[in-house]
Amino acid sequence: MYKYAIEIFYSEEDEGYIAVVPELPGCSAFGETEEEALREIKIAIDLWLETAKKDGREIPKPTGKEILSTLVEKLETFRSTHSQRVGT
């Protein structure tokens, strides 16, 4: 089973929470609470993947961990560089 990054945000216009999976175009869900939006997006992910397989479309590999690793590396580099500047 793939693990994709999920973004959840509150929409004033919709008066509820929207969940999206950036790596799966068009994969989104709505909930009145964050928990409901999360439950719904998990269903949407399964349906998105099932449909893509049936249609023979390429299924993107999740890059969430890679993105997180890159951000952590950049943060560590920034802190190291900033510490050296402050110390001199």
PDB file of N, CA and C in Angstrom:
ATOM      1  N   MET A   1       0.836  -1.193   0.000  1.00  0.00           N
ATOM      2  CA  MET A   1       0.000   0.000   0.000  1.00  0.00           C
ATOM      3  C   MET A   1       0.871   1.243   0.000  1.00  0.00           C
ATOM      4  N   TYR A   2       0.515   2.191  -0.845  1.00  0.00           N
ATOM      5  CA  TYR A   2       1.263   3.435  -0.933  1.00  0.00           C
ATOM      6  C   TYR A   2       0.874   4.381   0.197  1.00  0.00           C
ATOM      7  N   LYS A   3       1.826   5.216   0.577  1.00  0.00           N
ATOM      8  CA  LYS A   3       1.574   6.240   1.595  1.00  0.00           C
ATOM      9  C   LYS A   3       1.842   7.599   0.976  1.00  0.00           C
ATOM     10  N   TYR A   4       0.792   8.337   0.757  1.00  0.00           N
ATOM     11  CA  TYR A   4       0.903   9.652   0.150  1.00  0.00           C
ATOM     12  C   TYR A   4       0.712  10.746   1.193  1.00  0.00           C
ATOM     13  N   ALA A   5       1.371  11.884   0.955  1.00  0.00           N
ATOM     14  CA  ALA A   5       1.181  13.047   1.819  1.00  0.00           C
ATOM     15  C   ALA A   5      -0.236  13.585   1.606  1.00  0.00           C
ATOM     16  N   ILE A   6      -0.870  13.945   2.698  1.00  0.00           N
ATOM     17  CA  ILE A   6      -2.231  14.481   2.675  1.00  0.00           C
ATOM     18  C   ILE A   6      -2.199  15.875   3.292  1.00  0.00           C
ATOM     19  N   GLU A   7      -2.805  16.823   2.605  1.00  0.00           N
ATOM     20  CA  GLU A   7      -2.930  18.179   3.146  1.00  0.00           C
ATOM     21  C   GLU A   7      -4.395  18.406   3.506  1.00  0.00           C
ATOM     22  N   ILE A   8      -4.615  18.930   4.696  1.00  0.00           N
ATOM     23  CA  ILE A   8      -5.983  19.229   5.141  1.00  0.00           C
ATOM     24  C   ILE A   8      -6.018  20.694   5.571  1.00  0.00           C
ATOM     25  N   PHE A   9      -7.005  21.420   5.065  1.00  0.00           N
ATOM     26  CA  PHE A   9      -7.136  22.827   5.438  1.00  0.00           C
ATOM     27  C   PHE A   9      -8.609  23.190   5.551  1.00  0.00           C
ATOM     28  N   TYR A  10      -8.869  24.233   6.308  1.00  0.00           N
ATOM     29  CA  TYR A  10     -10.241  24.702   6.489  1.00  0.00           C
ATOM     30  C   TYR A  10     -10.599  25.656   5.371  1.00  0.00           C
ATOM     31  N   SER A  11     -11.789  25.492   4.815  1.00  0.00           N
ATOM     32  CA  SER A  11     -12.285  26.369   3.756  1.00  0.00           C
ATOM     33  C   SER A  11     -13.466  27.171   4.299  1.00  0.00           C
ATOM     34  N   GLU A  12     -13.281  28.474   4.401  1.00  0.00           N
ATOM     35  CA  GLU A  12     -14.367  29.355   4.841  1.00  0.00           C
ATOM     36  C   GLU A  12     -15.537  29.259   3.866  1.00  0.00           C
ATOM     37  N   GLU A  13     -15.212  29.247   2.581  1.00  0.00           N
ATOM     38  CA  GLU A  13     -16.230  29.214   1.538  1.00  0.00           C
ATOM     39  C   GLU A  13     -17.105  27.960   1.637  1.00  0.00           C
ATOM     40  N   ASP A  14     -16.460  26.817   1.884  1.00  0.00           N
ATOM     41  CA  ASP A  14     -17.193  25.548   1.972  1.00  0.00           C
ATOM     42  C   ASP A  14     -17.657  25.228   3.388  1.00  0.00           C
ATOM     43  N   GLU A  15     -17.187  26.015   4.348  1.00  0.00           N
ATOM     44  CA  GLU A  15     -17.510  25.813   5.761  1.00  0.00           C
ATOM     45  C   GLU A  15     -17.202  24.391   6.213  1.00  0.00           C
ATOM     46  N   GLY A  16     -16.005  23.964   5.867  1.00  0.00           N
ATOM     47  CA  GLY A  16     -15.569  22.628   6.255  1.00  0.00           C
ATOM     48  C   GLY A  16     -14.123  22.427   5.854  1.00  0.00           C
ATOM     49  N   TYR A  17     -13.667  21.204   6.040  1.00  0.00           N
ATOM     50  CA  TYR A  17     -12.272  20.876   5.778  1.00  0.00           C
ATOM     51  C   TYR A  17     -12.120  20.185   4.424  1.00  0.00           C
ATOM     52  N   ILE A  18     -11.099  20.603   3.704  1.00  0.00           N
ATOM     53  CA  ILE A  18     -10.772  20.020   2.413  1.00  0.00           C
ATOM     54  C   ILE A  18      -9.473  19.240   2.593  1.00  0.00           C
ATOM     55  N   ALA A  19      -9.453  18.031   2.078  1.00  0.00           N
ATOM     56  CA  ALA A  19      -8.237  17.214   2.091  1.00  0.00           C
ATOM     57  C   ALA A  19      -7.830  16.962   0.650  1.00  0.00           C
ATOM     58  N   VAL A  20      -6.545  17.115   0.368  1.00  0.00           N
ATOM     59  CA  VAL A  20      -6.031  16.874  -0.977  1.00  0.00           C
ATOM     60  C   VAL A  20      -4.763  16.031  -0.898  1.00  0.00           C
ATOM     61  N   VAL A  21      -4.510  15.318  -1.998  1.00  0.00           N
ATOM     62  CA  VAL A  21      -3.275  14.547  -2.142  1.00  0.00           C
ATOM     63  C   VAL A  21      -2.557  15.141  -3.350  1.00  0.00           C
ATOM     64  N   PRO A  22      -1.571  16.003  -3.122  1.00  0.00           N
ATOM     65  CA  PRO A  22      -0.918  16.703  -4.229  1.00  0.00           C
ATOM     66  C   PRO A  22      -0.328  15.782  -5.300  1.00  0.00           C
ATOM     67  N   GLU A  23       0.104  14.609  -4.913  1.00  0.00           N
ATOM     68  CA  GLU A  23       0.735  13.694  -5.871  1.00  0.00           C
ATOM     69  C   GLU A  23      -0.272  12.940  -6.744  1.00  0.00           C
ATOM     70  N   LEU A  24      -1.546  13.016  -6.386  1.00  0.00           N
ATOM     71  CA  LEU A  24      -2.592  12.344  -7.159  1.00  0.00           C
ATOM     72  C   LEU A  24      -3.541  13.413  -7.697  1.00  0.00           C
ATOM     73  N   PRO A  25      -3.329  13.849  -8.920  1.00  0.00           N
ATOM     74  CA  PRO A  25      -4.139  14.940  -9.480  1.00  0.00           C
ATOM     75  C   PRO A  25      -5.644  14.691  -9.357  1.00  0.00           C
ATOM     76  N   GLY A  26      -6.327  15.687  -8.809  1.00  0.00           N
ATOM     77  CA  GLY A  26      -7.773  15.613  -8.681  1.00  0.00           C
ATOM     78  C   GLY A  26      -8.265  14.832  -7.475  1.00  0.00           C
ATOM     79  N   CYS A  27      -7.357  14.301  -6.686  1.00  0.00           N
ATOM     80  CA  CYS A  27      -7.762  13.505  -5.518  1.00  0.00           C
ATOM     81  C   CYS A  27      -8.000  14.447  -4.337  1.00  0.00           C
ATOM     82  N   SER A  28      -9.267  14.607  -3.981  1.00  0.00           N
ATOM     83  CA  SER A  28      -9.619  15.492  -2.876  1.00  0.00           C
ATOM     84  C   SER A  28     -10.874  14.976  -2.187  1.00  0.00           C
ATOM     85  N   ALA A  29     -11.127  15.498  -0.999  1.00  0.00           N
ATOM     86  CA  ALA A  29     -12.302  15.086  -0.234  1.00  0.00           C
ATOM     87  C   ALA A  29     -12.704  16.225   0.697  1.00  0.00           C
ATOM     88  N   PHE A  30     -13.908  16.126   1.220  1.00  0.00           N
ATOM     89  CA  PHE A  30     -14.466  17.151   2.106  1.00  0.00           C
ATOM     90  C   PHE A  30     -14.960  16.497   3.389  1.00  0.00           C
ATOM     91  N   GLY A  31     -14.872  17.229   4.490  1.00  0.00           N
ATOM     92  CA  GLY A  31     -15.440  16.778   5.752  1.00  0.00           C
ATOM     93  C   GLY A  31     -15.804  17.966   6.611  1.00  0.00           C
ATOM     94  N   GLU A  32     -16.794  17.785   7.456  1.00  0.00           N
ATOM     95  CA  GLU A  32     -17.171  18.869   8.373  1.00  0.00           C
ATOM     96  C   GLU A  32     -16.144  19.031   9.484  1.00  0.00           C
ATOM     97  N   THR A  33     -15.369  17.965   9.742  1.00  0.00           N
ATOM     98  CA  THR A  33     -14.276  18.010  10.715  1.00  0.00           C
ATOM     99  C   THR A  33     -13.002  17.529  10.020  1.00  0.00           C
ATOM    100  N   GLU A  34     -11.860  17.778  10.651  1.00  0.00           N
ATOM    101  CA  GLU A  34     -10.600  17.296  10.091  1.00  0.00           C
ATOM    102  C   GLU A  34     -10.593  15.766  10.019  1.00  0.00           C
ATOM    103  N   GLU A  35     -11.129  15.139  11.049  1.00  0.00           N
ATOM    104  CA  GLU A  35     -11.158  13.679  11.106  1.00  0.00           C
ATOM    105  C   GLU A  35     -12.003  13.097   9.968  1.00  0.00           C
ATOM    106  N   GLU A  36     -13.141  13.734   9.719  1.00  0.00           N
ATOM    107  CA  GLU A  36     -14.009  13.270   8.639  1.00  0.00           C
ATOM    108  C   GLU A  36     -13.327  13.457   7.281  1.00  0.00           C
ATOM    109  N   ALA A  37     -12.653  14.592   7.099  1.00  0.00           N
ATOM    110  CA  ALA A  37     -11.936  14.836   5.851  1.00  0.00           C
ATOM    111  C   ALA A  37     -10.834  13.793   5.654  1.00  0.00           C
ATOM    112  N   LEU A  38     -10.162  13.420   6.735  1.00  0.00           N
ATOM    113  CA  LEU A  38      -9.115  12.401   6.649  1.00  0.00           C
ATOM    114  C   LEU A  38      -9.701  11.040   6.271  1.00  0.00           C
ATOM    115  N   ARG A  39     -10.802  10.674   6.893  1.00  0.00           N
ATOM    116  CA  ARG A  39     -11.459   9.403   6.538  1.00  0.00           C
ATOM    117  C   ARG A  39     -11.861   9.390   5.070  1.00  0.00           C
ATOM    118  N   GLU A  40     -12.428  10.493   4.620  1.00  0.00           N
ATOM    119  CA  GLU A  40     -12.903  10.585   3.242  1.00  0.00           C
ATOM    120  C   GLU A  40     -11.756  10.569   2.229  1.00  0.00           C
ATOM    121  N   ILE A  41     -10.638  11.212   2.558  1.00  0.00           N
ATOM    122  CA  ILE A  41      -9.523  11.243   1.604  1.00  0.00           C
ATOM    123  C   ILE A  41      -8.886   9.861   1.490  1.00  0.00           C
ATOM    124  N   LYS A  42      -8.899   9.087   2.554  1.00  0.00           N
ATOM    125  CA  LYS A  42      -8.371   7.722   2.467  1.00  0.00           C
ATOM    126  C   LYS A  42      -9.202   6.890   1.491  1.00  0.00           C
ATOM    127  N   ILE A  43     -10.493   7.088   1.512  1.00  0.00           N
ATOM    128  CA  ILE A  43     -11.377   6.402   0.554  1.00  0.00           C
ATOM    129  C   ILE A  43     -11.088   6.904  -0.855  1.00  0.00           C
ATOM    130  N   ALA A  44     -10.932   8.224  -0.988  1.00  0.00           N
ATOM    131  CA  ALA A  44     -10.659   8.821  -2.301  1.00  0.00           C
ATOM    132  C   ALA A  44      -9.336   8.309  -2.878  1.00  0.00           C
ATOM    133  N   ILE A  45      -8.327   8.136  -2.025  1.00  0.00           N
ATOM    134  CA  ILE A  45      -7.036   7.600  -2.488  1.00  0.00           C
ATOM    135  C   ILE A  45      -7.228   6.198  -3.043  1.00  0.00           C
ATOM    136  N   ASP A  46      -7.923   5.352  -2.293  1.00  0.00           N
ATOM    137  CA  ASP A  46      -8.169   3.976  -2.759  1.00  0.00           C
ATOM    138  C   ASP A  46      -8.893   3.979  -4.105  1.00  0.00           C
ATOM    139  N   LEU A  47      -9.911   4.816  -4.230  1.00  0.00           N
ATOM    140  CA  LEU A  47     -10.669   4.888  -5.483  1.00  0.00           C
ATOM    141  C   LEU A  47      -9.812   5.435  -6.623  1.00  0.00           C
ATOM    142  N   TRP A  48      -8.988   6.429  -6.339  1.00  0.00           N
ATOM    143  CA  TRP A  48      -8.109   7.010  -7.350  1.00  0.00           C
ATOM    144  C   TRP A  48      -7.158   5.939  -7.873  1.00  0.00           C
ATOM    145  N   LEU A  49      -6.529   5.203  -6.952  1.00  0.00           N
ATOM    146  CA  LEU A  49      -5.569   4.165  -7.340  1.00  0.00           C
ATOM    147  C   LEU A  49      -6.251   3.031  -8.107  1.00  0.00           C
ATOM    148  N   GLU A  50      -7.431   2.626  -7.640  1.00  0.00           N
ATOM    149  CA  GLU A  50      -8.184   1.559  -8.311  1.00  0.00           C
ATOM    150  C   GLU A  50      -8.532   1.964  -9.752  1.00  0.00           C
ATOM    151  N   THR A  51      -8.996   3.183  -9.914  1.00  0.00           N
ATOM    152  CA  THR A  51      -9.361   3.681 -11.237  1.00  0.00           C
ATOM    153  C   THR A  51      -8.135   3.788 -12.145  1.00  0.00           C
ATOM    154  N   ALA A  52      -7.037   4.278 -11.604  1.00  0.00           N
ATOM    155  CA  ALA A  52      -5.811   4.409 -12.391  1.00  0.00           C
ATOM    156  C   ALA A  52      -5.334   3.033 -12.876  1.00  0.00           C
ATOM    157  N   LYS A  53      -5.403   2.039 -11.998  1.00  0.00           N
ATOM    158  CA  LYS A  53      -4.993   0.689 -12.393  1.00  0.00           C
ATOM    159  C   LYS A  53      -5.885   0.155 -13.511  1.00  0.00           C
ATOM    160  N   LYS A  54      -7.193   0.327 -13.357  1.00  0.00           N
ATOM    161  CA  LYS A  54      -8.135  -0.150 -14.371  1.00  0.00           C
ATOM    162  C   LYS A  54      -7.917   0.536 -15.716  1.00  0.00           C
ATOM    163  N   ASP A  55      -7.577   1.832 -15.677  1.00  0.00           N
ATOM    164  CA  ASP A  55      -7.373   2.606 -16.895  1.00  0.00           C
ATOM    165  C   ASP A  55      -5.966   2.448 -17.467  1.00  0.00           C
ATOM    166  N   GLY A  56      -5.100   1.729 -16.747  1.00  0.00           N
ATOM    167  CA  GLY A  56      -3.728   1.532 -17.203  1.00  0.00           C
ATOM    168  C   GLY A  56      -2.859   2.768 -17.075  1.00  0.00           C
ATOM    169  N   ARG A  57      -3.284   3.691 -16.214  1.00  0.00           N
ATOM    170  CA  ARG A  57      -2.486   4.909 -15.998  1.00  0.00           C
ATOM    171  C   ARG A  57      -1.333   4.624 -15.038  1.00  0.00           C
ATOM    172  N   GLU A  58      -0.291   5.411 -15.180  1.00  0.00           N
ATOM    173  CA  GLU A  58       0.859   5.283 -14.286  1.00  0.00           C
ATOM    174  C   GLU A  58       0.474   5.794 -12.899  1.00  0.00           C
ATOM    175  N   ILE A  59       0.870   5.037 -11.891  1.00  0.00           N
ATOM    176  CA  ILE A  59       0.595   5.434 -10.511  1.00  0.00           C
ATOM    177  C   ILE A  59       1.877   6.030  -9.930  1.00  0.00           C
ATOM    178  N   PRO A  60       1.818   7.303  -9.543  1.00  0.00           N
ATOM    179  CA  PRO A  60       3.031   7.933  -9.004  1.00  0.00           C
ATOM    180  C   PRO A  60       3.452   7.312  -7.680  1.00  0.00           C
ATOM    181  N   LYS A  61       4.763   7.183  -7.513  1.00  0.00           N
ATOM    182  CA  LYS A  61       5.289   6.712  -6.229  1.00  0.00           C
ATOM    183  C   LYS A  61       5.265   7.888  -5.260  1.00  0.00           C
ATOM    184  N   PRO A  62       4.910   7.618  -4.029  1.00  0.00           N
ATOM    185  CA  PRO A  62       4.899   8.707  -3.036  1.00  0.00           C
ATOM    186  C   PRO A  62       6.303   9.280  -2.837  1.00  0.00           C
ATOM    187  N   THR A  63       6.394  10.574  -2.740  1.00  0.00           N
ATOM    188  CA  THR A  63       7.679  11.224  -2.511  1.00  0.00           C
ATOM    189  C   THR A  63       7.690  11.993  -1.199  1.00  0.00           C
ATOM    190  N   GLY A  64       6.677  11.799  -0.387  1.00  0.00           N
ATOM    191  CA  GLY A  64       6.578  12.533   0.881  1.00  0.00           C
ATOM    192  C   GLY A  64       7.813  12.413   1.745  1.00  0.00           C
ATOM    193  N   LYS A  65       8.343  11.193   1.910  1.00  0.00           N
ATOM    194  CA  LYS A  65       9.529  11.006   2.737  1.00  0.00           C
ATOM    195  C   LYS A  65      10.741  11.675   2.103  1.00  0.00           C
ATOM    196  N   GLU A  66      10.838  11.610   0.768  1.00  0.00           N
ATOM    197  CA  GLU A  66      11.957  12.238   0.079  1.00  0.00           C
ATOM    198  C   GLU A  66      11.905  13.750   0.269  1.00  0.00           C
ATOM    199  N   ILE A  67      10.715  14.319   0.146  1.00  0.00           N
ATOM    200  CA  ILE A  67      10.555  15.765   0.343  1.00  0.00           C
ATOM    201  C   ILE A  67      10.920  16.137   1.770  1.00  0.00           C
ATOM    202  N   LEU A  68      10.454  15.350   2.740  1.00  0.00           N
ATOM    203  CA  LEU A  68      10.754  15.609   4.145  1.00  0.00           C
ATOM    204  C   LEU A  68      12.254  15.518   4.391  1.00  0.00           C
ATOM    205  N   SER A  69      12.908  14.506   3.838  1.00  0.00           N
ATOM    206  CA  SER A  69      14.352  14.357   4.000  1.00  0.00           C
ATOM    207  C   SER A  69      15.092  15.558   3.443  1.00  0.00           C
ATOM    208  N   THR A  70      14.676  16.017   2.277  1.00  0.00           N
ATOM    209  CA  THR A  70      15.308  17.178   1.646  1.00  0.00           C
ATOM    210  C   THR A  70      15.130  18.416   2.521  1.00  0.00           C
ATOM    211  N   LEU A  71      13.927  18.614   3.057  1.00  0.00           N
ATOM    212  CA  LEU A  71      13.675  19.771   3.917  1.00  0.00           C
ATOM    213  C   LEU A  71      14.512  19.715   5.185  1.00  0.00           C
ATOM    214  N   VAL A  72      14.635  18.527   5.778  1.00  0.00           N
ATOM    215  CA  VAL A  72      15.437  18.369   6.992  1.00  0.00           C
ATOM    216  C   VAL A  72      16.899  18.674   6.684  1.00  0.00           C
ATOM    217  N   GLU A  73      17.409  18.170   5.568  1.00  0.00           N
ATOM    218  CA  GLU A  73      18.795  18.446   5.174  1.00  0.00           C
ATOM    219  C   GLU A  73      19.017  19.943   4.990  1.00  0.00           C
ATOM    220  N   LYS A  74      18.081  20.610   4.316  1.00  0.00           N
ATOM    221  CA  LYS A  74      18.209  22.054   4.099  1.00  0.00           C
ATOM    222  C   LYS A  74      18.171  22.807   5.427  1.00  0.00           C
ATOM    223  N   LEU A  75      17.307  22.385   6.331  1.00  0.00           N
ATOM    224  CA  LEU A  75      17.220  23.027   7.641  1.00  0.00           C
ATOM    225  C   LEU A  75      18.522  22.852   8.414  1.00  0.00           C
ATOM    226  N   GLU A  76      19.082  21.640   8.382  1.00  0.00           N
ATOM    227  CA  GLU A  76      20.343  21.381   9.079  1.00  0.00           C
ATOM    228  C   GLU A  76      21.469  22.233   8.489  1.00  0.00           C
ATOM    229  N   THR A  77      21.500  22.340   7.156  1.00  0.00           N
ATOM    230  CA  THR A  77      22.515  23.163   6.497  1.00  0.00           C
ATOM    231  C   THR A  77      22.333  24.623   6.891  1.00  0.00           C
ATOM    232  N   PHE A  78      21.096  25.095   6.899  1.00  0.00           N
ATOM    233  CA  PHE A  78      20.806  26.476   7.287  1.00  0.00           C
ATOM    234  C   PHE A  78      21.259  26.738   8.719  1.00  0.00           C
ATOM    235  N   ARG A  79      20.912  25.831   9.626  1.00  0.00           N
ATOM    236  CA  ARG A  79      21.284  26.012  11.040  1.00  0.00           C
ATOM    237  C   ARG A  79      22.794  26.026  11.200  1.00  0.00           C
ATOM    238  N   SER A  80      23.463  25.114  10.497  1.00  0.00           N
ATOM    239  CA  SER A  80      24.917  25.039  10.576  1.00  0.00           C
ATOM    240  C   SER A  80      25.545  26.329  10.069  1.00  0.00           C
ATOM    241  N   THR A  81      25.089  26.804   8.931  1.00  0.00           N
ATOM    242  CA  THR A  81      25.610  28.032   8.342  1.00  0.00           C
ATOM    243  C   THR A  81      25.302  29.229   9.236  1.00  0.00           C
ATOM    244  N   HIS A  82      24.081  29.273   9.756  1.00  0.00           N
ATOM    245  CA  HIS A  82      23.672  30.396  10.623  1.00  0.00           C
ATOM    246  C   HIS A  82      24.470  30.391  11.923  1.00  0.00           C
ATOM    247  N   SER A  83      24.714  29.223  12.499  1.00  0.00           N
ATOM    248  CA  SER A  83      25.469  29.113  13.751  1.00  0.00           C
ATOM    249  C   SER A  83      26.890  29.619  13.544  1.00  0.00           C
ATOM    250  N   GLN A  84      27.482  29.282  12.402  1.00  0.00           N
ATOM    251  CA  GLN A  84      28.842  29.721  12.120  1.00  0.00           C
ATOM    252  C   GLN A  84      28.907  31.226  11.983  1.00  0.00           C
ATOM    253  N   ARG A  85      27.901  31.831  11.366  1.00  0.00           N
ATOM    254  CA  ARG A  85      27.890  33.281  11.185  1.00  0.00           C
ATOM    255  C   ARG A  85      27.743  33.992  12.532  1.00  0.00           C
ATOM    256  N   VAL A  86      26.869  33.453  13.375  1.00  0.00           N
ATOM    257  CA  VAL A  86      26.619  34.077  14.682  1.00  0.00           C
ATOM    258  C   VAL A  86      27.847  33.947  15.559  1.00  0.00           C
ATOM    259  N   GLY A  87      28.535  32.827  15.459  1.00  0.00           N
ATOM    260  CA  GLY A  87      29.699  32.572  16.298  1.00  0.00           C
ATOM    261  C   GLY A  87      30.926  33.365  15.911  1.00  0.00           C
ATOM    262  N   THR A  88      30.966  33.910  14.700  1.00  0.00           N
ATOM    263  CA  THR A  88      32.162  34.648  14.262  1.00  0.00           C
ATOM    264  C   THR A  88      32.032  36.122  14.441  1.00  0.00           C
TER     265      THR A  88
END
